[in-house]
Amino acid sequence: MGNSHGSQAQKTDAQYKKLARLLTDGVAISTAMVQAGWSENQASKGWAAVPDGVIKIMSKNNKGRRLISLGRSTPKEDQEAMITGRLIENITKGTDKAAQSAKILGSKRDLNLWQPDQLSGVIVLNTPQWIIDHKAELLADDPDDVMLPPVPANSKLSKGKE
């Protein structure tokens, strides 16, 4: 049958190529899958239903290679500026075109735009025994009502408090 794509409902090489071409040309996933011969039910599953063989074909065609090249050749700073520019333009125009793409690109590990600029909080690696022993008093609702014993002189807590 000219097909070497596994044991699912058998699709031909021509169907794989047609789906790859439609997806590369920007046709919606469900529409492309139906046009290439997949059922409505399969098409409704989106990218999860697109066979790996189709993805491989997409990465080998000219448009796929052009996009890969563009992604590799665009410096991180330019990607960040494009995302920011697109978001500002969308906000000022009141549209949402390409906002999802900008969000996804901004979530890339190397850009990581959606993380706070400064992390806050304290990480305690080794809690001093004195704090463990007096946890209840330290966490009391009204600390003025609690009398804590003095911090031991040999404790790391007393160092530098002179």
C-alpha atoms as a PDB file:
ATOM      1  CA  MET A   1       0.000   0.000   0.000  1.00  0.00           C
ATOM      2  CA  GLY A   2       3.077   2.270   0.056  1.00  0.00           C
ATOM      3  CA  ASN A   3       2.793   2.928   3.773  1.00  0.00           C
ATOM      4  CA  SER A   4       5.322   2.393   6.530  1.00  0.00           C
ATOM      5  CA  HIS A   5       3.679   4.413   9.277  1.00  0.00           C
ATOM      6  CA  GLY A   6       2.656   1.889  11.917  1.00  0.00           C
ATOM      7  CA  SER A   7      -0.460  -0.080  12.739  1.00  0.00           C
ATOM      8  CA  GLN A   8      -3.027   2.703  13.239  1.00  0.00           C
ATOM      9  CA  ALA A   9      -5.816   3.033  10.675  1.00  0.00           C
ATOM     10  CA  GLN A  10      -3.577   2.765   7.660  1.00  0.00           C
ATOM     11  CA  LYS A  11      -2.772   6.078   6.005  1.00  0.00           C
ATOM     12  CA  THR A  12      -0.838   6.418   2.798  1.00  0.00           C
ATOM     13  CA  ASP A  13       2.394   8.310   2.258  1.00  0.00           C
ATOM     14  CA  ALA A  14       0.364  10.752   0.160  1.00  0.00           C
ATOM     15  CA  GLN A  15      -1.940  11.436   3.129  1.00  0.00           C
ATOM     16  CA  TYR A  16       1.048  12.039   5.403  1.00  0.00           C
ATOM     17  CA  LYS A  17       2.591  14.430   2.860  1.00  0.00           C
ATOM     18  CA  LYS A  18      -0.705  16.254   2.334  1.00  0.00           C
ATOM     19  CA  LEU A  19      -1.185  16.718   6.082  1.00  0.00           C
ATOM     20  CA  ALA A  20       2.397  17.947   6.484  1.00  0.00           C
ATOM     21  CA  ARG A  21       1.918  20.443   3.617  1.00  0.00           C
ATOM     22  CA  LEU A  22      -1.404  21.729   4.997  1.00  0.00           C
ATOM     23  CA  LEU A  23      -0.005  22.159   8.505  1.00  0.00           C
ATOM     24  CA  THR A  24       3.125  23.886   7.192  1.00  0.00           C
ATOM     25  CA  ASP A  25       0.898  26.246   5.192  1.00  0.00           C
ATOM     26  CA  GLY A  26      -0.882  27.260   8.409  1.00  0.00           C
ATOM     27  CA  VAL A  27      -4.161  25.383   7.975  1.00  0.00           C
ATOM     28  CA  ALA A  28      -5.840  24.660  11.331  1.00  0.00           C
ATOM     29  CA  ILE A  29      -4.929  21.220  12.659  1.00  0.00           C
ATOM     30  CA  SER A  30      -8.437  19.768  12.683  1.00  0.00           C
ATOM     31  CA  THR A  31      -9.229  21.124   9.208  1.00  0.00           C
ATOM     32  CA  ALA A  32      -5.932  19.853   7.782  1.00  0.00           C
ATOM     33  CA  MET A  33      -6.397  16.393   9.258  1.00  0.00           C
ATOM     34  CA  VAL A  34      -9.910  16.026   7.838  1.00  0.00           C
ATOM     35  CA  GLN A  35      -8.770  17.284   4.412  1.00  0.00           C
ATOM     36  CA  ALA A  36      -5.916  14.753   4.452  1.00  0.00           C
ATOM     37  CA  GLY A  37      -8.232  11.844   5.282  1.00  0.00           C
ATOM     38  CA  TRP A  38      -8.371  11.592   9.071  1.00  0.00           C
ATOM     39  CA  SER A  39     -11.708  11.268  10.866  1.00  0.00           C
ATOM     40  CA  GLU A  40     -13.387  14.201  12.610  1.00  0.00           C
ATOM     41  CA  ASN A  41     -12.878  12.357  15.898  1.00  0.00           C
ATOM     42  CA  GLN A  42      -9.108  12.030  15.347  1.00  0.00           C
ATOM     43  CA  ALA A  43      -8.892  15.597  14.055  1.00  0.00           C
ATOM     44  CA  SER A  44     -10.547  16.936  17.209  1.00  0.00           C
ATOM     45  CA  LYS A  45      -7.581  15.638  19.254  1.00  0.00           C
ATOM     46  CA  GLY A  46      -5.302  18.297  17.743  1.00  0.00           C
ATOM     47  CA  TRP A  47      -1.521  17.952  17.790  1.00  0.00           C
ATOM     48  CA  ALA A  48      -1.753  14.827  19.947  1.00  0.00           C
ATOM     49  CA  ALA A  49      -3.201  12.963  16.938  1.00  0.00           C
ATOM     50  CA  VAL A  50      -0.648  14.195  14.397  1.00  0.00           C
ATOM     51  CA  PRO A  51       1.653  11.238  13.654  1.00  0.00           C
ATOM     52  CA  ASP A  52       5.396  11.595  14.259  1.00  0.00           C
ATOM     53  CA  GLY A  53       5.983  10.784  10.592  1.00  0.00           C
ATOM     54  CA  VAL A  54       4.082  13.923   9.605  1.00  0.00           C
ATOM     55  CA  ILE A  55       6.187  16.032  11.967  1.00  0.00           C
ATOM     56  CA  LYS A  56       9.347  14.597  10.390  1.00  0.00           C
ATOM     57  CA  ILE A  57       8.090  15.465   6.915  1.00  0.00           C
ATOM     58  CA  MET A  58       7.275  19.012   8.070  1.00  0.00           C
ATOM     59  CA  SER A  59      10.797  19.540   9.399  1.00  0.00           C
ATOM     60  CA  LYS A  60      12.276  18.463   6.050  1.00  0.00           C
ATOM     61  CA  ASN A  61      10.292  20.759   3.750  1.00  0.00           C
ATOM     62  CA  ASN A  62      11.486  24.227   2.728  1.00  0.00           C
ATOM     63  CA  LYS A  63       9.139  26.219   4.934  1.00  0.00           C
ATOM     64  CA  GLY A  64       9.941  24.019   7.933  1.00  0.00           C
ATOM     65  CA  ARG A  65      13.676  24.423   7.336  1.00  0.00           C
ATOM     66  CA  ARG A  66      13.218  28.185   6.953  1.00  0.00           C
ATOM     67  CA  LEU A  67      11.431  28.398  10.303  1.00  0.00           C
ATOM     68  CA  ILE A  68      14.086  26.249  11.998  1.00  0.00           C
ATOM     69  CA  SER A  69      16.803  28.458  10.547  1.00  0.00           C
ATOM     70  CA  LEU A  70      14.970  31.603  11.641  1.00  0.00           C
ATOM     71  CA  GLY A  71      14.621  30.270  15.188  1.00  0.00           C
ATOM     72  CA  ARG A  72      18.290  29.359  15.407  1.00  0.00           C
ATOM     73  CA  SER A  73      19.584  32.583  13.878  1.00  0.00           C
ATOM     74  CA  THR A  74      17.492  35.103  15.832  1.00  0.00           C
ATOM     75  CA  PRO A  75      19.401  36.271  18.923  1.00  0.00           C
ATOM     76  CA  LYS A  76      17.743  35.939  22.325  1.00  0.00           C
ATOM     77  CA  GLU A  77      17.636  39.721  22.762  1.00  0.00           C
ATOM     78  CA  ASP A  78      15.795  40.130  19.432  1.00  0.00           C
ATOM     79  CA  GLN A  79      13.302  37.392  20.339  1.00  0.00           C
ATOM     80  CA  GLU A  80      12.629  39.107  23.660  1.00  0.00           C
ATOM     81  CA  ALA A  81      12.199  42.508  21.976  1.00  0.00           C
ATOM     82  CA  MET A  82       9.824  41.053  19.346  1.00  0.00           C
ATOM     83  CA  ILE A  83       7.670  39.447  22.029  1.00  0.00           C
ATOM     84  CA  THR A  84       7.529  42.617  24.074  1.00  0.00           C
ATOM     85  CA  GLY A  85       6.784  44.686  20.975  1.00  0.00           C
ATOM     86  CA  ARG A  86       3.997  42.344  19.863  1.00  0.00           C
ATOM     87  CA  LEU A  87       2.401  42.376  23.293  1.00  0.00           C
ATOM     88  CA  ILE A  88       2.541  46.172  23.499  1.00  0.00           C
ATOM     89  CA  GLU A  89       1.071  46.480  20.005  1.00  0.00           C
ATOM     90  CA  ASN A  90      -1.706  44.009  20.846  1.00  0.00           C
ATOM     91  CA  ILE A  91      -2.524  45.860  24.038  1.00  0.00           C
ATOM     92  CA  THR A  92      -2.599  49.295  22.408  1.00  0.00           C
ATOM     93  CA  LYS A  93      -4.666  48.094  19.432  1.00  0.00           C
ATOM     94  CA  GLY A  94      -6.923  45.958  21.580  1.00  0.00           C
ATOM     95  CA  THR A  95      -6.267  42.830  19.534  1.00  0.00           C
ATOM     96  CA  ASP A  96      -4.870  39.457  20.458  1.00  0.00           C
ATOM     97  CA  LYS A  97      -3.237  38.400  17.200  1.00  0.00           C
ATOM     98  CA  ALA A  98      -0.120  36.317  17.847  1.00  0.00           C
ATOM     99  CA  ALA A  99      -0.344  36.811  21.608  1.00  0.00           C
ATOM    100  CA  GLN A 100      -0.430  33.056  22.151  1.00  0.00           C
ATOM    101  CA  SER A 101       2.696  32.681  20.000  1.00  0.00           C
ATOM    102  CA  ALA A 102       4.411  35.442  21.934  1.00  0.00           C
ATOM    103  CA  LYS A 103       3.470  33.780  25.213  1.00  0.00           C
ATOM    104  CA  ILE A 104       4.794  30.415  24.103  1.00  0.00           C
ATOM    105  CA  LEU A 105       8.016  31.879  22.740  1.00  0.00           C
ATOM    106  CA  GLY A 106       8.477  33.896  25.926  1.00  0.00           C
ATOM    107  CA  SER A 107       8.133  30.707  27.937  1.00  0.00           C
ATOM    108  CA  LYS A 108      11.142  29.148  26.225  1.00  0.00           C
ATOM    109  CA  ARG A 109      13.726  28.044  28.769  1.00  0.00           C
ATOM    110  CA  ASP A 110      16.403  30.399  27.440  1.00  0.00           C
ATOM    111  CA  LEU A 111      14.095  33.453  27.448  1.00  0.00           C
ATOM    112  CA  ASN A 112      12.060  32.610  30.577  1.00  0.00           C
ATOM    113  CA  LEU A 113      10.219  35.942  30.437  1.00  0.00           C
ATOM    114  CA  TRP A 114       7.379  34.937  32.723  1.00  0.00           C
ATOM    115  CA  GLN A 115       9.446  34.582  35.893  1.00  0.00           C
ATOM    116  CA  PRO A 116       9.680  37.357  38.493  1.00  0.00           C
ATOM    117  CA  ASP A 117      12.772  39.542  38.131  1.00  0.00           C
ATOM    118  CA  GLN A 118      13.670  38.949  41.736  1.00  0.00           C
ATOM    119  CA  LEU A 119      12.953  35.840  43.719  1.00  0.00           C
ATOM    120  CA  SER A 120      11.909  36.415  47.299  1.00  0.00           C
ATOM    121  CA  GLY A 121      11.839  34.224  50.332  1.00  0.00           C
ATOM    122  CA  VAL A 122      14.302  32.530  52.592  1.00  0.00           C
ATOM    123  CA  ILE A 123      15.699  29.066  52.225  1.00  0.00           C
ATOM    124  CA  VAL A 124      16.908  27.524  55.460  1.00  0.00           C
ATOM    125  CA  LEU A 125      19.414  24.769  54.894  1.00  0.00           C
ATOM    126  CA  ASN A 126      20.138  23.974  58.542  1.00  0.00           C
ATOM    127  CA  THR A 127      17.754  25.202  61.196  1.00  0.00           C
ATOM    128  CA  PRO A 128      19.582  25.957  64.476  1.00  0.00           C
ATOM    129  CA  GLN A 129      18.516  23.671  67.337  1.00  0.00           C
ATOM    130  CA  TRP A 130      17.546  26.681  69.490  1.00  0.00           C
ATOM    131  CA  ILE A 131      14.875  27.663  66.940  1.00  0.00           C
ATOM    132  CA  ILE A 132      13.539  24.115  66.782  1.00  0.00           C
ATOM    133  CA  ASP A 133      13.372  23.966  70.585  1.00  0.00           C
ATOM    134  CA  HIS A 134      11.442  27.258  70.782  1.00  0.00           C
ATOM    135  CA  LYS A 135       9.298  26.988  67.667  1.00  0.00           C
ATOM    136  CA  ALA A 136       5.992  27.369  69.537  1.00  0.00           C
ATOM    137  CA  GLU A 137       7.102  30.557  71.250  1.00  0.00           C
ATOM    138  CA  LEU A 138       8.512  32.030  68.030  1.00  0.00           C
ATOM    139  CA  LEU A 139       5.282  31.340  66.144  1.00  0.00           C
ATOM    140  CA  ALA A 140       2.975  32.575  68.933  1.00  0.00           C
ATOM    141  CA  ASP A 141       0.148  34.940  67.939  1.00  0.00           C
ATOM    142  CA  ASP A 142       1.298  37.665  70.321  1.00  0.00           C
ATOM    143  CA  PRO A 143       5.090  37.558  70.684  1.00  0.00           C
ATOM    144  CA  ASP A 144       4.964  40.194  73.455  1.00  0.00           C
ATOM    145  CA  ASP A 145       3.353  37.631  75.767  1.00  0.00           C
ATOM    146  CA  VAL A 146       6.190  35.120  75.282  1.00  0.00           C
ATOM    147  CA  MET A 147       9.428  35.115  77.238  1.00  0.00           C
ATOM    148  CA  LEU A 148      12.186  33.446  75.265  1.00  0.00           C
ATOM    149  CA  PRO A 149      15.343  32.251  76.960  1.00  0.00           C
ATOM    150  CA  PRO A 150      18.517  33.937  75.737  1.00  0.00           C
ATOM    151  CA  VAL A 151      20.185  32.591  72.627  1.00  0.00           C
ATOM    152  CA  PRO A 152      23.145  30.393  73.616  1.00  0.00           C
ATOM    153  CA  ALA A 153      26.498  32.169  73.267  1.00  0.00           C
ATOM    154  CA  ASN A 154      27.902  29.445  71.028  1.00  0.00           C
ATOM    155  CA  SER A 155      24.917  29.633  68.626  1.00  0.00           C
ATOM    156  CA  LYS A 156      25.199  30.944  65.058  1.00  0.00           C
ATOM    157  CA  LEU A 157      22.237  33.173  65.929  1.00  0.00           C
ATOM    158  CA  SER A 158      24.244  35.123  68.514  1.00  0.00           C
ATOM    159  CA  LYS A 159      27.234  35.725  66.217  1.00  0.00           C
ATOM    160  CA  GLY A 160      27.468  39.295  64.956  1.00  0.00           C
ATOM    161  CA  LYS A 161      24.896  40.664  67.455  1.00  0.00           C
ATOM    162  CA  GLU A 162      27.267  42.651  69.603  1.00  0.00           C
END
